[in-house]
Amino acid sequence: MDLPTAVLLVVLVALGVMIVIVLEHRLSRIRRLKQTPASDAVEPRPGEVVASVEVAPPVAPLEPERVQPPERELAPAPVEQVSHVLMQADTELAFLTTIRLDPPWLECTFEPTRAFGSVKQLFERELELLEHAGGMFDQAAFVEQWQRIFAAGLWIRVDPDAEHISQFLLHIHPDGTARLRYG
């Protein structure tokens, strides 16, 4: 066997090994996600076949957080209770109290005020898009939904300092909990 053929063979074997590693990593994520009770985890739907490794488009600033690789998987750390308020202009829409840290997310209790009804449908649609029932995650629709949320003038006030957060992600779950990310 001549040298160029040997080099080509080594490169092809290395490429094959890399493909196997990527596929194995993808399968382990899928297995782990099936065991994850978090409602904002990205997982395949029943009957959905994962046939190939997809290369994700460049990450938009408002794309939902993906699950960490297994080697970095840690139990969420307890955190001091921090208060956040979902605001629209000067109106308090909901109170969020941090109960657990799951970097970069904050797990919170969610207590809406009467005024929250005016934006409730925005967050219900956001959660539908996030959970992408019946299909693939539609990043463009998700980003458009967040543009609608920000166009409604929503922001987060961090108490007690009244810090103003204008760029955030907030997933509000029907069980009275929420996941918040900013910064």
Protein backbone atom coordinates (compact mmCIF):
# COMPACT_ATOMS: atom_id res chain seq x y z
CA MET A 1 0.00 0.00 0.00
CA ASP A 2 1.47 3.37 -0.96
CA LEU A 3 1.66 6.32 1.47
CA PRO A 4 -1.25 8.46 0.08
CA THR A 5 -3.59 5.44 0.24
CA ALA A 6 -2.53 4.70 3.83
CA VAL A 7 -3.08 8.33 4.87
CA LEU A 8 -6.52 8.33 3.21
CA LEU A 9 -7.41 5.11 5.02
CA VAL A 10 -6.35 6.56 8.40
CA VAL A 11 -8.39 9.73 7.76
CA LEU A 12 -11.48 7.70 6.81
CA VAL A 13 -11.18 5.53 9.92
CA ALA A 14 -10.78 8.64 12.11
CA LEU A 15 -13.84 10.21 10.48
CA GLY A 16 -15.84 7.03 11.09
CA VAL A 17 -14.82 7.01 14.76
CA MET A 18 -15.88 10.66 15.11
CA ILE A 19 -19.28 9.92 13.57
CA VAL A 20 -19.80 7.01 15.97
CA ILE A 21 -18.89 9.24 18.95
CA VAL A 22 -21.31 11.97 17.83
CA LEU A 23 -24.12 9.46 17.29
CA GLU A 24 -23.48 7.82 20.66
CA HIS A 25 -23.55 11.24 22.36
CA ARG A 26 -26.83 12.05 20.61
CA LEU A 27 -28.38 8.74 21.67
CA SER A 28 -27.29 9.22 25.28
CA ARG A 29 -28.91 12.68 25.27
CA ILE A 30 -32.13 11.20 23.92
CA ARG A 31 -32.11 8.46 26.58
CA ARG A 32 -31.44 11.02 29.31
CA LEU A 33 -34.16 13.36 28.03
CA LYS A 34 -36.72 10.57 28.14
CA GLN A 35 -35.92 10.28 31.85
CA THR A 36 -35.99 14.07 32.45
CA PRO A 37 -39.30 15.30 33.91
CA ALA A 38 -38.59 18.97 33.05
CA SER A 39 -41.34 20.19 30.77
CA ASP A 40 -39.02 22.51 28.83
CA ALA A 41 -36.61 19.73 27.86
CA VAL A 42 -36.26 19.14 24.14
CA GLU A 43 -37.09 15.52 23.39
CA PRO A 44 -38.38 13.49 20.46
CA ARG A 45 -42.10 12.82 20.34
CA PRO A 46 -43.45 9.23 20.50
CA GLY A 47 -43.00 7.57 17.16
CA GLU A 48 -40.53 10.20 15.96
CA VAL A 49 -37.49 8.63 14.36
CA VAL A 50 -34.14 10.28 14.90
CA ALA A 51 -32.36 9.17 11.75
CA SER A 52 -29.53 11.63 11.39
CA VAL A 53 -27.45 14.09 13.29
CA GLU A 54 -28.64 17.58 12.45
CA VAL A 55 -26.29 20.52 12.49
CA ALA A 56 -28.04 23.31 14.37
CA PRO A 57 -28.16 26.76 12.81
CA PRO A 58 -26.27 29.54 14.59
CA VAL A 59 -27.75 30.05 18.04
CA ALA A 60 -30.11 32.99 18.26
CA PRO A 61 -29.93 34.96 21.50
CA LEU A 62 -33.39 33.76 22.51
CA GLU A 63 -33.08 30.06 21.68
CA PRO A 64 -34.12 27.78 24.57
CA GLU A 65 -31.28 26.27 26.55
CA ARG A 66 -30.31 22.73 25.60
CA VAL A 67 -29.58 20.03 28.19
CA GLN A 68 -25.95 19.87 29.31
CA PRO A 69 -23.77 16.91 28.29
CA PRO A 70 -23.74 14.01 30.78
CA GLU A 71 -20.20 14.65 31.99
CA ARG A 72 -21.27 18.06 33.35
CA GLU A 73 -24.64 16.97 34.69
CA LEU A 74 -25.08 18.18 38.26
CA ALA A 75 -28.05 18.33 40.57
CA PRO A 76 -29.53 21.82 40.65
CA ALA A 77 -28.12 23.82 43.53
CA PRO A 78 -30.33 25.47 46.14
CA VAL A 79 -30.32 29.23 45.91
CA GLU A 80 -31.34 32.09 48.13
CA GLN A 81 -34.86 33.21 47.34
CA VAL A 82 -34.64 36.16 44.98
CA SER A 83 -37.76 38.04 43.95
CA HIS A 84 -38.46 39.01 40.36
CA VAL A 85 -41.48 40.82 39.02
CA LEU A 86 -42.76 40.53 35.46
CA MET A 87 -43.62 44.09 34.46
CA GLN A 88 -45.41 45.89 31.64
CA ALA A 89 -44.50 49.56 31.86
CA ASP A 90 -45.32 50.33 35.54
CA THR A 91 -47.82 47.47 35.97
CA GLU A 92 -46.87 44.37 37.97
CA LEU A 93 -48.04 41.31 36.02
CA ALA A 94 -46.59 38.46 38.09
CA PHE A 95 -44.28 37.67 40.97
CA LEU A 96 -41.51 35.10 40.58
CA THR A 97 -39.58 33.74 43.55
CA THR A 98 -36.43 31.75 42.87
CA ILE A 99 -36.56 28.35 44.52
CA ARG A 100 -33.73 26.54 42.73
CA LEU A 101 -30.76 27.31 40.54
CA ASP A 102 -30.27 25.21 37.38
CA PRO A 103 -27.58 27.25 35.57
CA PRO A 104 -28.20 29.33 33.60
CA TRP A 105 -31.88 28.99 34.53
CA LEU A 106 -33.71 30.00 37.70
CA GLU A 107 -36.54 27.71 38.78
CA CYS A 108 -39.26 29.94 40.24
CA THR A 109 -42.70 29.94 41.72
CA PHE A 110 -45.08 31.97 39.54
CA GLU A 111 -47.89 34.08 41.01
CA PRO A 112 -49.80 36.11 38.41
CA THR A 113 -51.72 39.27 39.22
CA ARG A 114 -55.07 40.12 37.61
CA ALA A 115 -53.19 42.23 35.05
CA PHE A 116 -51.35 39.12 33.76
CA GLY A 117 -54.48 38.11 31.82
CA SER A 118 -53.64 40.72 29.18
CA VAL A 119 -50.42 38.86 28.20
CA LYS A 120 -51.25 35.31 29.25
CA GLN A 121 -51.85 34.16 25.66
CA LEU A 122 -48.36 35.36 24.64
CA PHE A 123 -46.77 33.00 27.16
CA GLU A 124 -49.15 30.13 26.43
CA ARG A 125 -48.11 30.33 22.75
CA GLU A 126 -44.43 30.60 23.77
CA LEU A 127 -44.76 27.37 25.77
CA GLU A 128 -46.52 25.62 22.85
CA LEU A 129 -43.66 26.57 20.54
CA LEU A 130 -41.07 25.52 23.11
CA GLU A 131 -42.62 22.09 23.61
CA HIS A 132 -43.19 21.82 19.82
CA ALA A 133 -45.95 19.23 20.10
CA GLY A 134 -46.51 17.42 16.86
CA GLY A 135 -43.36 18.50 15.09
CA MET A 136 -39.87 19.88 15.09
CA PHE A 137 -38.81 22.95 17.07
CA ASP A 138 -39.53 26.03 14.93
CA GLN A 139 -36.80 28.47 15.89
CA ALA A 140 -38.12 31.25 13.62
CA ALA A 141 -41.62 31.08 15.15
CA PHE A 142 -40.12 30.96 18.65
CA VAL A 143 -38.04 34.09 18.01
CA GLU A 144 -41.06 35.85 16.46
CA GLN A 145 -43.10 35.03 19.55
CA TRP A 146 -40.44 36.55 21.78
CA GLN A 147 -40.43 39.64 19.56
CA ARG A 148 -44.18 39.91 20.26
CA ILE A 149 -43.54 39.55 23.99
CA PHE A 150 -40.90 42.28 23.97
CA ALA A 151 -43.09 44.45 21.71
CA ALA A 152 -45.73 44.29 24.46
CA GLY A 153 -43.25 46.19 26.65
CA LEU A 154 -42.53 43.37 29.09
CA TRP A 155 -39.50 43.43 31.34
CA ILE A 156 -38.28 41.89 34.61
CA ARG A 157 -37.70 43.86 37.80
CA VAL A 158 -35.23 42.22 40.18
CA ASP A 159 -36.05 43.13 43.78
CA PRO A 160 -35.00 44.59 46.18
CA ASP A 161 -32.69 46.75 44.00
CA ALA A 162 -35.35 47.29 41.30
CA GLU A 163 -32.84 46.28 38.60
CA HIS A 164 -34.40 46.51 35.12
CA ILE A 165 -33.93 43.43 32.86
CA SER A 166 -35.18 43.91 29.32
CA GLN A 167 -33.73 40.77 27.67
CA PHE A 168 -34.85 37.52 29.27
CA LEU A 169 -36.44 34.15 28.63
CA LEU A 170 -39.39 33.06 30.73
CA HIS A 171 -41.23 29.75 30.38
CA ILE A 172 -44.44 29.76 32.44
CA HIS A 173 -45.83 26.32 33.25
CA PRO A 174 -49.48 25.56 34.12
CA ASP A 175 -48.43 24.08 37.49
CA GLY A 176 -47.53 27.51 38.92
CA THR A 177 -43.81 27.27 38.25
CA ALA A 178 -41.60 29.08 35.78
CA ARG A 179 -38.08 28.99 34.40
CA LEU A 180 -36.33 32.35 34.05
CA ARG A 181 -33.06 33.20 32.35
CA TYR A 182 -31.34 36.53 31.85
CA GLY A 183 -27.93 38.12 31.98
